[in-house]
Amino acid sequence: MMLGKGSIAGDEYVYDMEQARVNDHGVTTWIETCFCDSPLAEERPYWEEYFELLSVKDAHSRRSCRHENGTEPWGCCNCDCTKKLEGRLATQGEAFVHTLRTRKRDLQIS
């Protein structure tokens, strides 16, 4: 199965993994834009195919979200509400994709 194949989220999964970071304990963290009433309601089966979801939480109060409070449908598409959080995440650990490629290469060499 390819990550996200058949999902309404489309290329969002690939983008999320390109931005994801891995800490010293091997825990991968990423930020995802989600329009579901319950966070990751639609995406969860796709992620759980590859990851054990340890924690799923809103990046900010849903009351402040223009999509959630009804002032701008699909407002999350062009929103920068997670920009600071994404900036902080980018400085932590190692890039997930780099780590994955390195481990794959190491396994092929052994």
PDB file of N, CA and C in Angstrom:
ATOM      1  N   MET A   1       0.842  -1.189   0.000  1.00  0.00           N
ATOM      2  CA  MET A   1       0.000   0.000   0.000  1.00  0.00           C
ATOM      3  C   MET A   1       0.880   1.243   0.000  1.00  0.00           C
ATOM      4  N   MET A   2       0.530   2.211  -0.794  1.00  0.00           N
ATOM      5  CA  MET A   2       1.251   3.476  -0.834  1.00  0.00           C
ATOM      6  C   MET A   2       0.579   4.447   0.146  1.00  0.00           C
ATOM      7  N   LEU A   3       1.381   5.157   0.913  1.00  0.00           N
ATOM      8  CA  LEU A   3       0.851   6.069   1.930  1.00  0.00           C
ATOM      9  C   LEU A   3      -0.162   7.036   1.326  1.00  0.00           C
ATOM     10  N   GLY A   4      -1.382   7.002   1.831  1.00  0.00           N
ATOM     11  CA  GLY A   4      -2.417   7.933   1.426  1.00  0.00           C
ATOM     12  C   GLY A   4      -3.152   7.600   0.146  1.00  0.00           C
ATOM     13  N   LYS A   5      -2.810   6.498  -0.516  1.00  0.00           N
ATOM     14  CA  LYS A   5      -3.458   6.153  -1.783  1.00  0.00           C
ATOM     15  C   LYS A   5      -4.961   6.007  -1.569  1.00  0.00           C
ATOM     16  N   GLY A   6      -5.732   6.781  -2.327  1.00  0.00           N
ATOM     17  CA  GLY A   6      -7.183   6.747  -2.218  1.00  0.00           C
ATOM     18  C   GLY A   6      -7.756   7.739  -1.217  1.00  0.00           C
ATOM     19  N   SER A   7      -6.912   8.459  -0.523  1.00  0.00           N
ATOM     20  CA  SER A   7      -7.375   9.414   0.487  1.00  0.00           C
ATOM     21  C   SER A   7      -7.716  10.758  -0.137  1.00  0.00           C
ATOM     22  N   ILE A   8      -8.681  11.431   0.449  1.00  0.00           N
ATOM     23  CA  ILE A   8      -9.044  12.775   0.023  1.00  0.00           C
ATOM     24  C   ILE A   8      -7.893  13.761   0.272  1.00  0.00           C
ATOM     25  N   ALA A   9      -7.006  13.417   1.192  1.00  0.00           N
ATOM     26  CA  ALA A   9      -5.890  14.308   1.542  1.00  0.00           C
ATOM     27  C   ALA A   9      -4.837  14.389   0.438  1.00  0.00           C
ATOM     28  N   GLY A  10      -4.855  13.453  -0.496  1.00  0.00           N
ATOM     29  CA  GLY A  10      -3.968  13.518  -1.654  1.00  0.00           C
ATOM     30  C   GLY A  10      -2.498  13.602  -1.304  1.00  0.00           C
ATOM     31  N   ASP A  11      -1.821  14.620  -1.830  1.00  0.00           N
ATOM     32  CA  ASP A  11      -0.376  14.781  -1.651  1.00  0.00           C
ATOM     33  C   ASP A  11       0.018  15.292  -0.269  1.00  0.00           C
ATOM     34  N   GLU A  12      -0.954  15.587   0.573  1.00  0.00           N
ATOM     35  CA  GLU A  12      -0.662  16.111   1.913  1.00  0.00           C
ATOM     36  C   GLU A  12       0.234  15.156   2.700  1.00  0.00           C
ATOM     37  N   TYR A  13       0.041  13.862   2.534  1.00  0.00           N
ATOM     38  CA  TYR A  13       0.847  12.873   3.255  1.00  0.00           C
ATOM     39  C   TYR A  13       2.324  12.992   2.894  1.00  0.00           C
ATOM     40  N   VAL A  14       2.597  13.128   1.607  1.00  0.00           N
ATOM     41  CA  VAL A  14       3.988  13.252   1.147  1.00  0.00           C
ATOM     42  C   VAL A  14       4.602  14.524   1.713  1.00  0.00           C
ATOM     43  N   TYR A  15       3.873  15.627   1.642  1.00  0.00           N
ATOM     44  CA  TYR A  15       4.365  16.894   2.192  1.00  0.00           C
ATOM     45  C   TYR A  15       4.639  16.749   3.687  1.00  0.00           C
ATOM     46  N   ASP A  16       3.715  16.123   4.413  1.00  0.00           N
ATOM     47  CA  ASP A  16       3.892  15.943   5.857  1.00  0.00           C
ATOM     48  C   ASP A  16       5.176  15.185   6.165  1.00  0.00           C
ATOM     49  N   MET A  17       5.448  14.138   5.417  1.00  0.00           N
ATOM     50  CA  MET A  17       6.655  13.333   5.659  1.00  0.00           C
ATOM     51  C   MET A  17       7.924  14.091   5.261  1.00  0.00           C
ATOM     52  N   GLU A  18       7.832  14.964   4.275  1.00  0.00           N
ATOM     53  CA  GLU A  18       8.988  15.790   3.901  1.00  0.00           C
ATOM     54  C   GLU A  18       9.330  16.778   5.009  1.00  0.00           C
ATOM     55  N   GLN A  19       8.335  17.194   5.792  1.00  0.00           N
ATOM     56  CA  GLN A  19       8.537  18.148   6.879  1.00  0.00           C
ATOM     57  C   GLN A  19       8.758  17.466   8.227  1.00  0.00           C
ATOM     58  N   ALA A  20       8.459  16.193   8.325  1.00  0.00           N
ATOM     59  CA  ALA A  20       8.527  15.457   9.598  1.00  0.00           C
ATOM     60  C   ALA A  20       9.952  15.380  10.135  1.00  0.00           C
ATOM     61  N   ARG A  21      10.055  15.286  11.459  1.00  0.00           N
ATOM     62  CA  ARG A  21      11.350  15.208  12.138  1.00  0.00           C
ATOM     63  C   ARG A  21      11.369  13.997  13.065  1.00  0.00           C
ATOM     64  N   VAL A  22      12.554  13.405  13.232  1.00  0.00           N
ATOM     65  CA  VAL A  22      12.735  12.246  14.106  1.00  0.00           C
ATOM     66  C   VAL A  22      13.631  12.651  15.269  1.00  0.00           C
ATOM     67  N   ASN A  23      13.193  12.360  16.501  1.00  0.00           N
ATOM     68  CA  ASN A  23      14.022  12.705  17.658  1.00  0.00           C
ATOM     69  C   ASN A  23      14.985  11.567  17.994  1.00  0.00           C
ATOM     70  N   ASP A  24      15.778  11.744  19.054  1.00  0.00           N
ATOM     71  CA  ASP A  24      16.792  10.757  19.457  1.00  0.00           C
ATOM     72  C   ASP A  24      16.200   9.403  19.859  1.00  0.00           C
ATOM     73  N   HIS A  25      14.919   9.387  20.189  1.00  0.00           N
ATOM     74  CA  HIS A  25      14.257   8.150  20.609  1.00  0.00           C
ATOM     75  C   HIS A  25      13.553   7.453  19.440  1.00  0.00           C
ATOM     76  N   GLY A  26      13.700   8.015  18.240  1.00  0.00           N
ATOM     77  CA  GLY A  26      13.071   7.424  17.060  1.00  0.00           C
ATOM     78  C   GLY A  26      11.616   7.803  16.864  1.00  0.00           C
ATOM     79  N   VAL A  27      11.141   8.777  17.637  1.00  0.00           N
ATOM     80  CA  VAL A  27       9.758   9.229  17.518  1.00  0.00           C
ATOM     81  C   VAL A  27       9.683  10.286  16.418  1.00  0.00           C
ATOM     82  N   THR A  28       8.772  10.088  15.483  1.00  0.00           N
ATOM     83  CA  THR A  28       8.591  11.012  14.363  1.00  0.00           C
ATOM     84  C   THR A  28       7.445  11.960  14.679  1.00  0.00           C
ATOM     85  N   THR A  29       7.672  13.256  14.433  1.00  0.00           N
ATOM     86  CA  THR A  29       6.663  14.275  14.684  1.00  0.00           C
ATOM     87  C   THR A  29       6.423  15.048  13.398  1.00  0.00           C
ATOM     88  N   TRP A  30       5.145  15.350  13.129  1.00  0.00           N
ATOM     89  CA  TRP A  30       4.817  16.177  11.973  1.00  0.00           C
ATOM     90  C   TRP A  30       3.560  16.970  12.270  1.00  0.00           C
ATOM     91  N   ILE A  31       3.312  17.964  11.439  1.00  0.00           N
ATOM     92  CA  ILE A  31       2.139  18.820  11.570  1.00  0.00           C
ATOM     93  C   ILE A  31       1.316  18.622  10.308  1.00  0.00           C
ATOM     94  N   GLU A  32       0.045  18.384  10.489  1.00  0.00           N
ATOM     95  CA  GLU A  32      -0.831  18.136   9.347  1.00  0.00           C
ATOM     96  C   GLU A  32      -2.045  19.044   9.407  1.00  0.00           C
ATOM     97  N   THR A  33      -2.426  19.592   8.268  1.00  0.00           N
ATOM     98  CA  THR A  33      -3.667  20.343   8.168  1.00  0.00           C
ATOM     99  C   THR A  33      -4.791  19.332   8.019  1.00  0.00           C
ATOM    100  N   CYS A  34      -5.765  19.408   8.902  1.00  0.00           N
ATOM    101  CA  CYS A  34      -6.848  18.422   8.911  1.00  0.00           C
ATOM    102  C   CYS A  34      -8.183  19.148   9.026  1.00  0.00           C
ATOM    103  N   PHE A  35      -9.135  18.776   8.191  1.00  0.00           N
ATOM    104  CA  PHE A  35     -10.445  19.407   8.189  1.00  0.00           C
ATOM    105  C   PHE A  35     -11.509  18.572   8.902  1.00  0.00           C
ATOM    106  N   CYS A  36     -11.128  17.447   9.469  1.00  0.00           N
ATOM    107  CA  CYS A  36     -12.085  16.550  10.128  1.00  0.00           C
ATOM    108  C   CYS A  36     -12.565  17.136  11.454  1.00  0.00           C
ATOM    109  N   ASP A  37     -13.817  16.830  11.811  1.00  0.00           N
ATOM    110  CA  ASP A  37     -14.329  17.262  13.116  1.00  0.00           C
ATOM    111  C   ASP A  37     -13.491  16.668  14.239  1.00  0.00           C
ATOM    112  N   SER A  38     -13.196  15.389  14.142  1.00  0.00           N
ATOM    113  CA  SER A  38     -12.264  14.737  15.067  1.00  0.00           C
ATOM    114  C   SER A  38     -10.924  14.668  14.351  1.00  0.00           C
ATOM    115  N   PRO A  39      -9.848  15.183  14.960  1.00  0.00           N
ATOM    116  CA  PRO A  39      -8.553  15.196  14.277  1.00  0.00           C
ATOM    117  C   PRO A  39      -8.184  13.833  13.689  1.00  0.00           C
ATOM    118  N   LEU A  40      -7.813  13.840  12.436  1.00  0.00           N
ATOM    119  CA  LEU A  40      -7.367  12.667  11.677  1.00  0.00           C
ATOM    120  C   LEU A  40      -8.434  11.586  11.507  1.00  0.00           C
ATOM    121  N   ALA A  41      -9.692  11.945  11.601  1.00  0.00           N
ATOM    122  CA  ALA A  41     -10.762  10.952  11.451  1.00  0.00           C
ATOM    123  C   ALA A  41     -10.648  10.219  10.116  1.00  0.00           C
ATOM    124  N   GLU A  42     -10.372  10.929   9.044  1.00  0.00           N
ATOM    125  CA  GLU A  42     -10.251  10.308   7.728  1.00  0.00           C
ATOM    126  C   GLU A  42      -8.861   9.734   7.503  1.00  0.00           C
ATOM    127  N   GLU A  43      -7.840  10.420   8.005  1.00  0.00           N
ATOM    128  CA  GLU A  43      -6.457  10.052   7.720  1.00  0.00           C
ATOM    129  C   GLU A  43      -5.914   8.913   8.581  1.00  0.00           C
ATOM    130  N   ARG A  44      -6.480   8.734   9.759  1.00  0.00           N
ATOM    131  CA  ARG A  44      -5.946   7.780  10.738  1.00  0.00           C
ATOM    132  C   ARG A  44      -5.633   6.398  10.150  1.00  0.00           C
ATOM    133  N   PRO A  45      -6.532   5.767   9.381  1.00  0.00           N
ATOM    134  CA  PRO A  45      -6.198   4.434   8.847  1.00  0.00           C
ATOM    135  C   PRO A  45      -4.962   4.446   7.948  1.00  0.00           C
ATOM    136  N   TYR A  46      -4.761   5.524   7.214  1.00  0.00           N
ATOM    137  CA  TYR A  46      -3.589   5.611   6.335  1.00  0.00           C
ATOM    138  C   TYR A  46      -2.309   5.733   7.152  1.00  0.00           C
ATOM    139  N   TRP A  47      -2.341   6.588   8.178  1.00  0.00           N
ATOM    140  CA  TRP A  47      -1.153   6.761   9.019  1.00  0.00           C
ATOM    141  C   TRP A  47      -0.863   5.498   9.818  1.00  0.00           C
ATOM    142  N   GLU A  48      -1.916   4.864  10.344  1.00  0.00           N
ATOM    143  CA  GLU A  48      -1.716   3.690  11.197  1.00  0.00           C
ATOM    144  C   GLU A  48      -1.176   2.484  10.428  1.00  0.00           C
ATOM    145  N   GLU A  49      -1.219   2.540   9.121  1.00  0.00           N
ATOM    146  CA  GLU A  49      -0.617   1.492   8.302  1.00  0.00           C
ATOM    147  C   GLU A  49       0.904   1.495   8.480  1.00  0.00           C
ATOM    148  N   TYR A  50       1.477   2.667   8.825  1.00  0.00           N
ATOM    149  CA  TYR A  50       2.929   2.829   8.915  1.00  0.00           C
ATOM    150  C   TYR A  50       3.431   3.300  10.274  1.00  0.00           C
ATOM    151  N   PHE A  51       2.559   3.934  11.064  1.00  0.00           N
ATOM    152  CA  PHE A  51       2.975   4.540  12.323  1.00  0.00           C
ATOM    153  C   PHE A  51       2.068   4.119  13.468  1.00  0.00           C
ATOM    154  N   GLU A  52       2.642   4.090  14.673  1.00  0.00           N
ATOM    155  CA  GLU A  52       1.845   3.995  15.891  1.00  0.00           C
ATOM    156  C   GLU A  52       1.637   5.437  16.334  1.00  0.00           C
ATOM    157  N   LEU A  53       0.401   5.902  16.317  1.00  0.00           N
ATOM    158  CA  LEU A  53       0.127   7.292  16.672  1.00  0.00           C
ATOM    159  C   LEU A  53       0.128   7.435  18.190  1.00  0.00           C
ATOM    160  N   LEU A  54       1.176   8.043  18.722  1.00  0.00           N
ATOM    161  CA  LEU A  54       1.324   8.199  20.166  1.00  0.00           C
ATOM    162  C   LEU A  54       0.507   9.367  20.692  1.00  0.00           C
ATOM    163  N   SER A  55       0.380  10.420  19.878  1.00  0.00           N
ATOM    164  CA  SER A  55      -0.332  11.615  20.306  1.00  0.00           C
ATOM    165  C   SER A  55      -0.849  12.354  19.079  1.00  0.00           C
ATOM    166  N   VAL A  56      -2.115  12.744  19.121  1.00  0.00           N
ATOM    167  CA  VAL A  56      -2.718  13.558  18.073  1.00  0.00           C
ATOM    168  C   VAL A  56      -3.405  14.708  18.787  1.00  0.00           C
ATOM    169  N   LYS A  57      -3.016  15.940  18.455  1.00  0.00           N
ATOM    170  CA  LYS A  57      -3.633  17.078  19.134  1.00  0.00           C
ATOM    171  C   LYS A  57      -3.718  18.269  18.197  1.00  0.00           C
ATOM    172  N   ASP A  58      -4.646  19.158  18.516  1.00  0.00           N
ATOM    173  CA  ASP A  58      -4.804  20.373  17.728  1.00  0.00           C
ATOM    174  C   ASP A  58      -3.621  21.299  17.960  1.00  0.00           C
ATOM    175  N   ALA A  59      -3.174  21.953  16.904  1.00  0.00           N
ATOM    176  CA  ALA A  59      -2.044  22.878  16.998  1.00  0.00           C
ATOM    177  C   ALA A  59      -2.452  24.176  17.694  1.00  0.00           C
ATOM    178  N   HIS A  60      -3.719  24.501  17.629  1.00  0.00           N
ATOM    179  CA  HIS A  60      -4.232  25.703  18.295  1.00  0.00           C
ATOM    180  C   HIS A  60      -5.717  25.501  18.564  1.00  0.00           C
ATOM    181  N   SER A  61      -6.317  26.434  19.253  1.00  0.00           N
ATOM    182  CA  SER A  61      -7.731  26.338  19.594  1.00  0.00           C
ATOM    183  C   SER A  61      -8.585  26.337  18.332  1.00  0.00           C
ATOM    184  N   ARG A  62      -9.491  25.396  18.237  1.00  0.00           N
ATOM    185  CA  ARG A  62     -10.378  25.334  17.073  1.00  0.00           C
ATOM    186  C   ARG A  62     -11.307  26.548  17.014  1.00  0.00           C
ATOM    187  N   ARG A  63     -11.544  27.198  18.128  1.00  0.00           N
ATOM    188  CA  ARG A  63     -12.383  28.406  18.114  1.00  0.00           C
ATOM    189  C   ARG A  63     -11.741  29.502  17.292  1.00  0.00           C
ATOM    190  N   SER A  64     -10.408  29.513  17.220  1.00  0.00           N
ATOM    191  CA  SER A  64      -9.685  30.528  16.453  1.00  0.00           C
ATOM    192  C   SER A  64      -9.577  30.171  14.974  1.00  0.00           C
ATOM    193  N   CYS A  65      -9.907  28.955  14.623  1.00  0.00           N
ATOM    194  CA  CYS A  65      -9.766  28.474  13.247  1.00  0.00           C
ATOM    195  C   CYS A  65     -10.924  28.992  12.395  1.00  0.00           C
ATOM    196  N   ARG A  66     -10.598  29.696  11.316  1.00  0.00           N
ATOM    197  CA  ARG A  66     -11.637  30.270  10.451  1.00  0.00           C
ATOM    198  C   ARG A  66     -12.493  29.188   9.793  1.00  0.00           C
ATOM    199  N   HIS A  67     -11.892  28.043   9.484  1.00  0.00           N
ATOM    200  CA  HIS A  67     -12.668  26.939   8.898  1.00  0.00           C
ATOM    201  C   HIS A  67     -13.632  26.373   9.939  1.00  0.00           C
ATOM    202  N   GLU A  68     -13.121  26.143  11.131  1.00  0.00           N
ATOM    203  CA  GLU A  68     -13.928  25.527  12.192  1.00  0.00           C
ATOM    204  C   GLU A  68     -15.031  26.438  12.709  1.00  0.00           C
ATOM    205  N   ASN A  69     -14.760  27.756  12.796  1.00  0.00           N
ATOM    206  CA  ASN A  69     -15.795  28.647  13.331  1.00  0.00           C
ATOM    207  C   ASN A  69     -16.749  29.147  12.244  1.00  0.00           C
ATOM    208  N   GLY A  70     -16.534  28.693  11.000  1.00  0.00           N
ATOM    209  CA  GLY A  70     -17.468  28.989   9.920  1.00  0.00           C
ATOM    210  C   GLY A  70     -17.262  30.311   9.209  1.00  0.00           C
ATOM    211  N   THR A  71     -16.256  31.087   9.590  1.00  0.00           N
ATOM    212  CA  THR A  71     -16.056  32.380   8.932  1.00  0.00           C
ATOM    213  C   THR A  71     -15.397  32.251   7.561  1.00  0.00           C
ATOM    214  N   GLU A  72     -14.686  31.139   7.311  1.00  0.00           N
ATOM    215  CA  GLU A  72     -14.047  30.934   6.010  1.00  0.00           C
ATOM    216  C   GLU A  72     -13.923  29.432   5.718  1.00  0.00           C
ATOM    217  N   PRO A  73     -14.889  28.872   4.977  1.00  0.00           N
ATOM    218  CA  PRO A  73     -14.786  27.453   4.637  1.00  0.00           C
ATOM    219  C   PRO A  73     -13.464  27.153   3.928  1.00  0.00           C
ATOM    220  N   TRP A  74     -12.832  26.057   4.307  1.00  0.00           N
ATOM    221  CA  TRP A  74     -11.536  25.626   3.761  1.00  0.00           C
ATOM    222  C   TRP A  74     -10.443  26.664   4.020  1.00  0.00           C
ATOM    223  N   GLY A  75     -10.635  27.497   5.035  1.00  0.00           N
ATOM    224  CA  GLY A  75      -9.675  28.544   5.370  1.00  0.00           C
ATOM    225  C   GLY A  75      -8.294  28.019   5.730  1.00  0.00           C
ATOM    226  N   CYS A  76      -8.213  26.769   6.133  1.00  0.00           N
ATOM    227  CA  CYS A  76      -6.922  26.180   6.519  1.00  0.00           C
ATOM    228  C   CYS A  76      -5.966  26.039   5.340  1.00  0.00           C
ATOM    229  N   CYS A  77      -6.507  26.012   4.133  1.00  0.00           N
ATOM    230  CA  CYS A  77      -5.654  25.800   2.954  1.00  0.00           C
ATOM    231  C   CYS A  77      -4.583  26.882   2.813  1.00  0.00           C
ATOM    232  N   ASN A  78      -4.917  28.106   3.142  1.00  0.00           N
ATOM    233  CA  ASN A  78      -3.969  29.212   2.990  1.00  0.00           C
ATOM    234  C   ASN A  78      -3.622  29.868   4.317  1.00  0.00           C
ATOM    235  N   CYS A  79      -3.850  29.163   5.393  1.00  0.00           N
ATOM    236  CA  CYS A  79      -3.624  29.708   6.725  1.00  0.00           C
ATOM    237  C   CYS A  79      -2.172  29.494   7.159  1.00  0.00           C
ATOM    238  N   ASP A  80      -1.653  30.426   7.943  1.00  0.00           N
ATOM    239  CA  ASP A  80      -0.287  30.278   8.455  1.00  0.00           C
ATOM    240  C   ASP A  80      -0.280  30.099   9.976  1.00  0.00           C
ATOM    241  N   CYS A  81      -1.386  29.593  10.520  1.00  0.00           N
ATOM    242  CA  CYS A  81      -1.516  29.481  11.978  1.00  0.00           C
ATOM    243  C   CYS A  81      -0.502  28.521  12.596  1.00  0.00           C
ATOM    244  N   THR A  82       0.049  27.616  11.825  1.00  0.00           N
ATOM    245  CA  THR A  82       1.027  26.667  12.371  1.00  0.00           C
ATOM    246  C   THR A  82       2.457  27.025  11.971  1.00  0.00           C
ATOM    247  N   LYS A  83       2.638  28.181  11.366  1.00  0.00           N
ATOM    248  CA  LYS A  83       3.966  28.570  10.866  1.00  0.00           C
ATOM    249  C   LYS A  83       5.029  28.574  11.971  1.00  0.00           C
ATOM    250  N   LYS A  84       4.719  29.173  13.132  1.00  0.00           N
ATOM    251  CA  LYS A  84       5.693  29.201  14.235  1.00  0.00           C
ATOM    252  C   LYS A  84       5.998  27.796  14.736  1.00  0.00           C
ATOM    253  N   LEU A  85       4.963  26.995  14.867  1.00  0.00           N
ATOM    254  CA  LEU A  85       5.131  25.618  15.324  1.00  0.00           C
ATOM    255  C   LEU A  85       5.974  24.819  14.322  1.00  0.00           C
ATOM    256  N   GLU A  86       5.714  25.005  13.033  1.00  0.00           N
ATOM    257  CA  GLU A  86       6.496  24.328  11.996  1.00  0.00           C
ATOM    258  C   GLU A  86       7.954  24.776  12.031  1.00  0.00           C
ATOM    259  N   GLY A  87       8.184  26.065  12.284  1.00  0.00           N
ATOM    260  CA  GLY A  87       9.546  26.590  12.386  1.00  0.00           C
ATOM    261  C   GLY A  87      10.303  25.967  13.542  1.00  0.00           C
ATOM    262  N   ARG A  88       9.636  25.829  14.683  1.00  0.00           N
ATOM    263  CA  ARG A  88      10.253  25.192  15.852  1.00  0.00           C
ATOM    264  C   ARG A  88      10.554  23.721  15.575  1.00  0.00           C
ATOM    265  N   LEU A  89       9.605  23.041  14.961  1.00  0.00           N
ATOM    266  CA  LEU A  89       9.785  21.624  14.660  1.00  0.00           C
ATOM    267  C   LEU A  89      10.973  21.408  13.724  1.00  0.00           C
ATOM    268  N   ALA A  90      11.161  22.294  12.767  1.00  0.00           N
ATOM    269  CA  ALA A  90      12.241  22.158  11.778  1.00  0.00           C
ATOM    270  C   ALA A  90      13.630  22.198  12.411  1.00  0.00           C
ATOM    271  N   THR A  91      13.735  22.708  13.628  1.00  0.00           N
ATOM    272  CA  THR A  91      15.040  22.796  14.300  1.00  0.00           C
ATOM    273  C   THR A  91      15.314  21.595  15.198  1.00  0.00           C
ATOM    274  N   GLN A  92      14.354  20.690  15.302  1.00  0.00           N
ATOM    275  CA  GLN A  92      14.477  19.556  16.223  1.00  0.00           C
ATOM    276  C   GLN A  92      14.829  18.269  15.482  1.00  0.00           C
ATOM    277  N   GLY A  93      15.664  17.463  16.079  1.00  0.00           N
ATOM    278  CA  GLY A  93      15.975  16.145  15.535  1.00  0.00           C
ATOM    279  C   GLY A  93      16.517  16.180  14.121  1.00  0.00           C
ATOM    280  N   GLU A  94      16.235  15.110  13.388  1.00  0.00           N
ATOM    281  CA  GLU A  94      16.684  14.986  12.002  1.00  0.00           C
ATOM    282  C   GLU A  94      15.476  14.882  11.084  1.00  0.00           C
ATOM    283  N   ALA A  95      15.676  15.223   9.827  1.00  0.00           N
ATOM    284  CA  ALA A  95      14.606  15.096   8.845  1.00  0.00           C
ATOM    285  C   ALA A  95      14.224  13.626   8.697  1.00  0.00           C
ATOM    286  N   PHE A  96      12.941  13.334   8.765  1.00  0.00           N
ATOM    287  CA  PHE A  96      12.451  11.962   8.684  1.00  0.00           C
ATOM    288  C   PHE A  96      12.872  11.284   7.382  1.00  0.00           C
ATOM    289  N   VAL A  97      12.676  11.959   6.258  1.00  0.00           N
ATOM    290  CA  VAL A  97      12.995  11.362   4.959  1.00  0.00           C
ATOM    291  C   VAL A  97      14.484  11.030   4.873  1.00  0.00           C
ATOM    292  N   HIS A  98      15.332  11.920   5.362  1.00  0.00           N
ATOM    293  CA  HIS A  98      16.782  11.662   5.361  1.00  0.00           C
ATOM    294  C   HIS A  98      17.098  10.432   6.221  1.00  0.00           C
ATOM    295  N   THR A  99      16.507  10.372   7.400  1.00  0.00           N
ATOM    296  CA  THR A  99      16.729   9.243   8.307  1.00  0.00           C
ATOM    297  C   THR A  99      16.274   7.937   7.666  1.00  0.00           C
ATOM    298  N   LEU A 100      15.129   7.970   7.029  1.00  0.00           N
ATOM    299  CA  LEU A 100      14.590   6.779   6.372  1.00  0.00           C
ATOM    300  C   LEU A 100      15.512   6.305   5.245  1.00  0.00           C
ATOM    301  N   ARG A 101      15.971   7.246   4.437  1.00  0.00           N
ATOM    302  CA  ARG A 101      16.876   6.884   3.334  1.00  0.00           C
ATOM    303  C   ARG A 101      18.206   6.336   3.853  1.00  0.00           C
ATOM    304  N   THR A 102      18.728   6.935   4.913  1.00  0.00           N
ATOM    305  CA  THR A 102      19.989   6.471   5.494  1.00  0.00           C
ATOM    306  C   THR A 102      19.839   5.050   6.022  1.00  0.00           C
ATOM    307  N   ARG A 103      18.754   4.789   6.727  1.00  0.00           N
ATOM    308  CA  ARG A 103      18.530   3.440   7.269  1.00  0.00           C
ATOM    309  C   ARG A 103      18.346   2.417   6.150  1.00  0.00           C
ATOM    310  N   LYS A 104      17.656   2.802   5.100  1.00  0.00           N
ATOM    311  CA  LYS A 104      17.464   1.897   3.964  1.00  0.00           C
ATOM    312  C   LYS A 104      18.811   1.564   3.325  1.00  0.00           C
ATOM    313  N   ARG A 105      19.630   2.591   3.126  1.00  0.00           N
ATOM    314  CA  ARG A 105      20.954   2.387   2.535  1.00  0.00           C
ATOM    315  C   ARG A 105      21.806   1.488   3.427  1.00  0.00           C
ATOM    316  N   ASP A 106      21.777   1.738   4.729  1.00  0.00           N
ATOM    317  CA  ASP A 106      22.551   0.925   5.672  1.00  0.00           C
ATOM    318  C   ASP A 106      22.109  -0.538   5.645  1.00  0.00           C
ATOM    319  N   LEU A 107      20.821  -0.776   5.502  1.00  0.00           N
ATOM    320  CA  LEU A 107      20.316  -2.148   5.437  1.00  0.00           C
ATOM    321  C   LEU A 107      20.754  -2.843   4.148  1.00  0.00           C
ATOM    322  N   GLN A 108      20.824  -2.080   3.071  1.00  0.00           N
ATOM    323  CA  GLN A 108      21.242  -2.652   1.792  1.00  0.00           C
ATOM    324  C   GLN A 108      22.725  -3.001   1.794  1.00  0.00           C
ATOM    325  N   ILE A 109      23.516  -2.233   2.538  1.00  0.00           N
ATOM    326  CA  ILE A 109      24.960  -2.461   2.621  1.00  0.00           C
ATOM    327  C   ILE A 109      25.260  -3.687   3.479  1.00  0.00           C
ATOM    328  N   SER A 110      24.478  -3.892   4.560  1.00  0.00           N
ATOM    329  CA  SER A 110      24.767  -5.000   5.483  1.00  0.00           C
ATOM    330  C   SER A 110      24.526  -6.353   4.887  1.00  0.00           C
TER     331      SER A 110
END
